[in-house]
């Protein structure tokens, strides 16, 4: 275990190197993605370095900032990347190197607990940015974030290394609460390559075990929140037993980068393929198969298209046709589809 003292200070010190960073772009560096989509997204959800969650009274959080950084890197927009990064560290950074998860206009941080997926997304975006722009300062920041995660958010459970969803509030006397969608597999693969002496390979293995354990129920889908105990893995009693807004990211992360075909199969056969020719419901109950009586938004449909091997059309109108989360899922699906060669070619 490494001491966390100085992690936040180190991050702030490296940030000073980024204040006036500027990189000239060349034609060879142009992304394959349509920049008009990113511009439309920025116009709708970007405000002075923060990504605005229009689904939740205009708040910002570590997850939205992490996604914003990922998208800025993918669309080769270093100026926006640095603005999002600076806002994130200035407003969400805690003394232990983790990020507070919730920030509200006029109030600032209103929940200082971290959300582990937000920390993971920020670290992954920094690592990707260090490779795209050959910037050692981003890599140093990524490592600092990873050290904080390794120290505070990984725990041993019956020969597994699991992720706490947040530093506080998820440990019970007889069980642990975890969120399968916090295993961002393409990010974890990158962390394992960067830091092979740290337990990231074990974290990947635990996530794969968790999904194998949670997709063997009557519906064959994982719930948003899961509890692990000495006896079994099952939907957490404190939350609805639904495959919905959190868990919808699981098949996206499984398909992104290095596909995990065996783990993807339940999501293809029990969700994407099942509804391939009709409108998907917004959620499905993993215990009894009941489903929402309202349709899934465009962002969720985009994930189903990726799972079904259908190409995605790059459409700026779709990028902002829905609320923050749906629009973000659509753009993230475009990133995964680009990696898989599933972007529709327009004549």
Protein backbone atom coordinates (compact mmCIF):
# COMPACT_ATOMS: atom_id res chain seq x y z
CA UNK A 1 0.00 0.00 0.00
CA UNK A 2 1.34 3.43 -0.91
CA UNK A 3 0.68 6.52 1.15
CA UNK A 4 -1.69 9.02 -0.52
CA UNK A 5 -0.03 12.07 0.98
CA UNK A 6 1.01 14.47 -1.72
CA UNK A 7 -1.02 12.88 -4.53
CA UNK A 8 -3.37 15.86 -4.80
CA UNK A 9 -0.43 18.25 -4.55
CA UNK A 10 1.45 16.43 -7.30
CA UNK A 11 -1.56 16.62 -9.58
CA UNK A 12 -1.95 20.35 -9.01
CA UNK A 13 1.75 20.88 -9.70
CA UNK A 14 1.58 19.09 -13.02
CA UNK A 15 -1.53 21.07 -13.91
CA UNK A 16 0.52 24.25 -13.85
CA UNK A 17 2.32 22.94 -16.90
CA UNK A 18 -0.96 22.78 -18.81
CA UNK A 19 -2.31 26.28 -18.33
CA UNK A 20 -0.94 27.63 -21.59
CA UNK A 21 -0.56 24.33 -23.50
CA UNK A 22 -1.30 24.56 -27.20
CA UNK A 23 -0.68 22.07 -30.00
CA UNK A 24 -0.81 22.68 -33.73
CA UNK A 25 -2.88 20.09 -35.57
CA UNK A 26 -1.94 18.67 -38.94
CA UNK A 27 -4.08 17.04 -41.56
CA UNK A 28 -2.59 13.66 -40.69
CA UNK A 29 -3.83 14.05 -37.11
CA UNK A 30 -7.46 14.58 -38.09
CA UNK A 31 -9.73 12.12 -36.28
CA UNK A 32 -11.91 9.70 -38.19
CA UNK A 33 -14.89 11.05 -36.28
CA UNK A 34 -16.98 13.94 -37.59
CA UNK A 35 -15.94 17.07 -35.70
CA UNK A 36 -19.39 18.61 -36.27
CA UNK A 37 -20.81 16.05 -33.82
CA UNK A 38 -18.42 17.15 -31.12
CA UNK A 39 -19.12 20.82 -31.81
CA UNK A 40 -22.85 20.21 -31.42
CA UNK A 41 -22.24 18.36 -28.16
CA UNK A 42 -20.06 21.18 -26.82
CA UNK A 43 -22.65 23.79 -27.73
CA UNK A 44 -25.29 21.87 -25.78
CA UNK A 45 -23.44 20.48 -22.75
CA UNK A 46 -20.13 22.34 -22.28
CA UNK A 47 -19.91 25.38 -20.00
CA UNK A 48 -16.57 26.93 -19.05
CA UNK A 49 -14.81 23.60 -18.65
CA UNK A 50 -17.61 21.60 -17.11
CA UNK A 51 -19.96 19.13 -18.78
CA UNK A 52 -23.52 19.94 -17.75
CA UNK A 53 -25.82 17.06 -16.83
CA UNK A 54 -29.15 18.35 -18.14
CA UNK A 55 -30.88 15.27 -16.72
CA UNK A 56 -30.14 16.40 -13.14
CA UNK A 57 -30.78 20.12 -12.72
CA UNK A 58 -27.60 21.14 -14.50
CA UNK A 59 -25.14 19.54 -12.10
CA UNK A 60 -21.70 18.28 -13.06
CA UNK A 61 -19.96 15.20 -11.72
CA UNK A 62 -16.79 13.21 -12.08
CA UNK A 63 -18.47 10.85 -14.55
CA UNK A 64 -19.55 13.65 -16.89
CA UNK A 65 -16.09 15.21 -16.69
CA UNK A 66 -14.44 11.88 -17.43
CA UNK A 67 -16.65 11.30 -20.44
CA UNK A 68 -15.99 14.85 -21.61
CA UNK A 69 -12.25 14.23 -21.46
CA UNK A 70 -12.58 10.96 -23.37
CA UNK A 71 -14.60 12.61 -26.09
CA UNK A 72 -12.32 15.64 -26.37
CA UNK A 73 -9.34 13.31 -26.83
CA UNK A 74 -11.18 11.18 -29.40
CA UNK A 75 -12.17 14.26 -31.42
CA UNK A 76 -8.63 15.62 -31.18
CA UNK A 77 -9.66 18.77 -29.31
CA UNK A 78 -6.84 19.56 -26.92
CA UNK A 79 -8.15 23.01 -26.06
CA UNK A 80 -11.43 21.61 -24.71
CA UNK A 81 -9.57 18.72 -23.09
CA UNK A 82 -7.41 21.10 -21.09
CA UNK A 83 -10.40 23.23 -20.13
CA UNK A 84 -12.34 20.19 -18.87
CA UNK A 85 -9.28 18.87 -17.04
CA UNK A 86 -8.57 22.19 -15.34
CA UNK A 87 -12.19 22.57 -14.18
CA UNK A 88 -12.26 19.00 -12.91
CA UNK A 89 -9.14 19.31 -10.82
CA UNK A 90 -9.96 22.81 -9.60
CA UNK A 91 -13.48 21.91 -8.46
CA UNK A 92 -13.59 18.17 -7.72
CA UNK A 93 -10.12 17.18 -6.50
CA UNK A 94 -9.95 15.82 -2.96
CA UNK A 95 -6.88 15.73 -0.75
CA UNK A 96 -6.46 11.98 -1.22
CA UNK A 97 -6.26 12.19 -5.02
CA UNK A 98 -9.82 11.01 -5.66
CA UNK A 99 -12.55 13.19 -7.16
CA UNK A 100 -15.70 14.38 -5.45
CA UNK A 101 -18.55 13.07 -7.52
CA UNK A 102 -21.23 15.81 -7.38
CA UNK A 103 -21.02 19.57 -8.00
CA UNK A 104 -24.02 21.90 -8.19
CA UNK A 105 -24.29 25.41 -9.61
CA UNK A 106 -24.25 28.07 -6.87
CA UNK A 107 -23.35 25.44 -4.25
CA UNK A 108 -20.16 23.78 -5.42
CA UNK A 109 -19.44 20.26 -4.20
CA UNK A 110 -22.55 18.87 -2.52
CA UNK A 111 -21.36 15.27 -2.18
CA UNK A 112 -17.64 14.84 -1.56
CA UNK A 113 -17.74 11.04 -1.81
CA UNK A 114 -16.09 9.79 -4.97
CA UNK A 115 -17.65 7.71 -7.76
CA UNK A 116 -15.07 5.18 -8.86
CA UNK A 117 -16.10 5.13 -12.50
CA UNK A 118 -15.47 8.87 -12.67
CA UNK A 119 -11.94 8.42 -11.32
CA UNK A 120 -11.31 5.59 -13.79
CA UNK A 121 -12.62 7.56 -16.76
CA UNK A 122 -10.45 10.58 -15.97
CA UNK A 123 -7.33 8.43 -15.59
CA UNK A 124 -8.06 6.60 -18.84
CA UNK A 125 -8.69 9.82 -20.75
CA UNK A 126 -5.38 11.23 -19.48
CA UNK A 127 -3.57 8.10 -20.60
CA UNK A 128 -5.15 8.26 -24.06
CA UNK A 129 -4.32 11.96 -24.30
CA UNK A 130 -0.69 11.31 -23.38
CA UNK A 131 -0.45 8.92 -26.32
CA UNK A 132 -2.31 11.11 -28.83
CA UNK A 133 -0.45 14.31 -28.07
CA UNK A 134 2.80 12.76 -26.81
CA UNK A 135 2.44 14.70 -23.57
CA UNK A 136 4.33 13.28 -20.58
CA UNK A 137 2.45 15.57 -18.20
CA UNK A 138 -0.83 13.80 -18.96
CA UNK A 139 0.76 10.43 -18.28
CA UNK A 140 2.05 11.68 -14.93
CA UNK A 141 -1.44 12.82 -14.02
CA UNK A 142 -2.90 9.48 -15.10
CA UNK A 143 -0.47 7.64 -12.85
CA UNK A 144 -1.32 9.91 -9.92
CA UNK A 145 -5.02 9.15 -10.35
CA UNK A 146 -4.30 5.43 -10.63
CA UNK A 147 -2.26 5.46 -7.45
CA UNK A 148 -5.19 7.00 -5.59
CA UNK A 149 -7.58 4.37 -6.98
CA UNK A 150 -5.17 1.55 -6.14
CA UNK A 151 -4.78 2.75 -2.59
CA UNK A 152 -8.40 3.49 -1.70
CA UNK A 153 -10.80 1.64 -3.98
CA UNK A 154 -9.49 -1.88 -4.54
CA UNK A 155 -10.30 -4.57 -2.00
CA UNK A 156 -9.72 -8.29 -1.65
CA UNK A 157 -12.75 -10.53 -1.52
CA UNK A 158 -12.39 -14.33 -1.54
CA UNK A 159 -9.32 -14.27 -3.79
CA UNK A 160 -10.87 -11.58 -6.00
CA UNK A 161 -9.82 -7.92 -6.29
CA UNK A 162 -13.02 -5.91 -6.52
CA UNK A 163 -13.79 -2.23 -7.01
CA UNK A 164 -15.57 -0.22 -4.35
CA UNK A 165 -18.10 2.04 -6.12
CA UNK A 166 -17.07 4.83 -3.77
CA UNK A 167 -14.87 5.24 -0.74
CA UNK A 168 -17.80 5.53 1.65
CA UNK A 169 -21.15 3.80 1.94
CA UNK A 170 -20.79 0.46 0.15
CA UNK A 171 -19.45 -1.90 2.81
CA UNK A 172 -21.97 -3.78 4.95
CA UNK A 173 -21.22 -6.12 7.88
CA UNK A 174 -22.13 -9.15 5.79
CA UNK A 175 -21.72 -8.03 2.17
CA UNK A 176 -20.31 -5.53 -0.32
CA UNK A 177 -22.26 -3.44 -2.81
CA UNK A 178 -20.66 -3.14 -6.25
CA UNK A 179 -21.63 -1.71 -9.62
CA UNK A 180 -20.73 -3.90 -12.64
CA UNK A 181 -20.71 -0.89 -14.97
CA UNK A 182 -17.76 0.57 -13.06
CA UNK A 183 -15.56 -2.12 -14.65
CA UNK A 184 -14.65 -0.01 -17.68
CA UNK A 185 -12.87 -2.88 -19.43
CA UNK A 186 -11.00 -0.97 -22.16
CA UNK A 187 -9.67 1.37 -19.47
CA UNK A 188 -8.69 -1.53 -17.22
CA UNK A 189 -6.87 -3.20 -20.11
CA UNK A 190 -4.88 0.01 -20.61
CA UNK A 191 -4.10 0.26 -16.88
CA UNK A 192 -2.88 -3.35 -16.77
CA UNK A 193 -0.52 -2.64 -19.65
CA UNK A 194 0.75 0.60 -18.11
CA UNK A 195 1.16 -0.79 -14.57
CA UNK A 196 1.70 -4.56 -14.83
CA UNK A 197 2.98 -4.78 -11.26
CA UNK A 198 -0.30 -3.45 -9.87
CA UNK A 199 -3.43 -5.63 -9.50
CA UNK A 200 -5.27 -4.43 -12.61
CA UNK A 201 -5.22 -7.85 -14.23
CA UNK A 202 -6.87 -9.20 -11.09
CA UNK A 203 -9.45 -6.40 -11.25
CA UNK A 204 -10.25 -7.41 -14.83
CA UNK A 205 -10.60 -11.06 -13.79
CA UNK A 206 -12.92 -10.11 -10.93
CA UNK A 207 -15.13 -8.08 -13.27
CA UNK A 208 -15.38 -11.00 -15.66
CA UNK A 209 -16.24 -13.32 -12.76
CA UNK A 210 -18.84 -10.85 -11.51
CA UNK A 211 -20.59 -10.72 -14.89
CA UNK A 212 -20.53 -14.49 -15.27
CA UNK A 213 -22.19 -14.68 -11.85
CA UNK A 214 -24.82 -12.01 -12.50
CA UNK A 215 -25.93 -12.98 -16.02
CA UNK A 216 -26.94 -16.52 -15.12
CA UNK A 217 -30.34 -15.53 -13.74
CA UNK A 218 -33.74 -15.97 -15.38
CA UNK A 219 -33.33 -12.96 -17.70
CA UNK A 220 -29.61 -13.35 -18.37
CA UNK A 221 -28.74 -9.70 -17.70
CA UNK A 222 -26.86 -8.00 -14.89
CA UNK A 223 -28.54 -5.53 -12.55
CA UNK A 224 -27.32 -1.98 -12.09
CA UNK A 225 -26.23 -2.70 -8.51
CA UNK A 226 -25.08 -6.04 -7.17
CA UNK A 227 -24.16 -7.37 -3.73
CA UNK A 228 -21.52 -9.99 -3.05
CA UNK A 229 -21.52 -12.04 0.14
CA UNK A 230 -20.20 -15.32 1.43
CA UNK A 231 -23.16 -17.17 -0.03
CA UNK A 232 -23.91 -15.62 -3.41
CA UNK A 233 -23.87 -12.76 -5.90
CA UNK A 234 -27.29 -11.19 -6.47
CA UNK A 235 -29.03 -7.85 -7.16
CA UNK A 236 -28.47 -5.48 -4.26
CA UNK A 237 -31.54 -5.23 -2.05
CA UNK A 238 -31.21 -1.45 -1.73
CA UNK A 239 -31.78 -0.91 -5.47
CA UNK A 240 -34.31 -2.03 -8.10
CA UNK A 241 -33.25 -5.28 -9.77
CA UNK A 242 -33.01 -3.67 -13.18
CA UNK A 243 -30.78 -3.71 -16.20
CA UNK A 244 -31.09 -0.01 -16.87
CA UNK A 245 -29.21 3.28 -16.83
CA UNK A 246 -26.06 2.02 -15.12
CA UNK A 247 -25.82 -1.53 -16.44
CA UNK A 248 -26.50 -0.46 -20.02
CA UNK A 249 -22.85 0.56 -20.17
CA UNK A 250 -21.64 -2.98 -19.43
CA UNK A 251 -22.13 -4.39 -22.96
CA UNK A 252 -20.65 -1.20 -24.44
CA UNK A 253 -17.49 -1.64 -22.37
CA UNK A 254 -17.34 -5.35 -23.22
CA UNK A 255 -17.52 -4.58 -26.95
CA UNK A 256 -15.09 -1.64 -26.87
CA UNK A 257 -11.46 -2.33 -27.63
CA UNK A 258 -10.76 -6.01 -27.00
CA UNK A 259 -14.16 -7.72 -27.36
CA UNK A 260 -15.01 -10.26 -24.68
CA UNK A 261 -17.24 -12.44 -26.80
CA UNK A 262 -18.24 -14.97 -24.16
CA UNK A 263 -19.37 -12.25 -21.78
CA UNK A 264 -21.07 -10.31 -24.59
CA UNK A 265 -23.23 -13.23 -25.65
CA UNK A 266 -25.89 -12.90 -22.90
CA UNK A 267 -26.34 -9.23 -23.76
CA UNK A 268 -26.64 -10.00 -27.46
CA UNK A 269 -29.08 -12.89 -27.09
CA UNK A 270 -31.10 -11.61 -24.12
CA UNK A 271 -31.22 -7.93 -25.00
CA UNK A 272 -29.90 -6.58 -28.29
CA UNK A 273 -30.98 -9.45 -30.54
CA UNK A 274 -34.24 -9.99 -28.65
CA UNK A 275 -35.35 -6.46 -29.53
CA UNK A 276 -33.47 -6.07 -32.80
CA UNK A 277 -36.60 -5.39 -34.87
CA UNK A 278 -38.54 -3.34 -32.36
CA UNK A 279 -38.08 -0.51 -29.91
CA UNK A 280 -36.00 -1.35 -26.89
CA UNK A 281 -37.48 -0.68 -23.45
CA UNK A 282 -35.65 1.73 -21.19
CA UNK A 283 -35.09 -1.00 -18.59
CA UNK A 284 -35.70 -4.70 -17.95
CA UNK A 285 -36.20 -6.26 -14.53
CA UNK A 286 -33.55 -8.95 -14.11
CA UNK A 287 -35.69 -10.95 -11.67
CA UNK A 288 -39.01 -11.32 -13.50
CA UNK A 289 -38.42 -9.95 -17.00
CA UNK A 290 -40.89 -7.09 -16.70
CA UNK A 291 -39.88 -3.99 -18.60
CA UNK A 292 -40.44 -0.26 -18.83
CA UNK A 293 -43.50 0.92 -20.71
CA UNK A 294 -41.48 3.69 -22.34
CA UNK A 295 -38.74 3.30 -24.95
CA UNK A 296 -35.00 3.51 -24.54
CA UNK A 297 -33.49 6.75 -25.88
CA UNK A 298 -31.22 6.99 -28.90
CA UNK A 299 -28.03 6.49 -26.91
CA UNK A 300 -29.13 3.06 -25.70
CA UNK A 301 -30.28 2.09 -29.18
CA UNK A 302 -26.78 3.00 -30.42
CA UNK A 303 -25.26 0.49 -27.98
CA UNK A 304 -27.62 -2.20 -29.31
CA UNK A 305 -26.49 -1.40 -32.85
CA UNK A 306 -22.86 -1.90 -31.85
CA UNK A 307 -23.69 -5.25 -30.25
CA UNK A 308 -25.61 -6.35 -33.33
CA UNK A 309 -22.72 -5.41 -35.60
CA UNK A 310 -24.68 -2.65 -37.33
CA UNK A 311 -22.88 0.48 -38.44
CA UNK A 312 -23.59 3.80 -36.75
CA UNK A 313 -24.29 6.95 -38.71
CA UNK A 314 -22.50 10.07 -37.54
CA UNK A 315 -25.28 12.60 -37.16
CA UNK A 316 -24.82 15.90 -35.27
CA UNK A 317 -28.60 16.14 -34.83
CA UNK A 318 -28.71 12.80 -33.02
CA UNK A 319 -25.81 13.90 -30.83
CA UNK A 320 -27.98 16.57 -29.20
CA UNK A 321 -31.48 15.22 -29.84
CA UNK A 322 -31.76 13.81 -26.34
CA UNK A 323 -30.68 14.63 -22.82
CA UNK A 324 -27.11 14.63 -21.54
CA UNK A 325 -26.84 10.91 -20.78
CA UNK A 326 -28.42 9.62 -23.97
CA UNK A 327 -26.33 11.99 -26.08
CA UNK A 328 -23.19 10.93 -24.27
CA UNK A 329 -23.97 7.23 -24.76
CA UNK A 330 -24.44 7.91 -28.47
CA UNK A 331 -21.03 9.58 -28.75
CA UNK A 332 -19.36 6.84 -26.70
CA UNK A 333 -20.96 4.27 -28.99
CA UNK A 334 -19.44 6.11 -31.94
CA UNK A 335 -16.02 5.78 -30.32
CA UNK A 336 -16.50 2.05 -29.80
CA UNK A 337 -17.91 1.67 -33.32
CA UNK A 338 -14.92 3.51 -34.79
CA UNK A 339 -12.55 1.08 -33.06
CA UNK A 340 -14.59 -1.84 -34.44
CA UNK A 341 -14.93 -0.41 -37.96
CA UNK A 342 -18.69 0.02 -37.60
CA UNK A 343 -19.03 3.67 -38.69
CA UNK A 344 -21.39 3.94 -41.67
CA UNK A 345 -19.73 5.24 -44.82
CA UNK A 346 -21.66 8.09 -46.41
CA UNK A 347 -21.55 8.26 -50.22
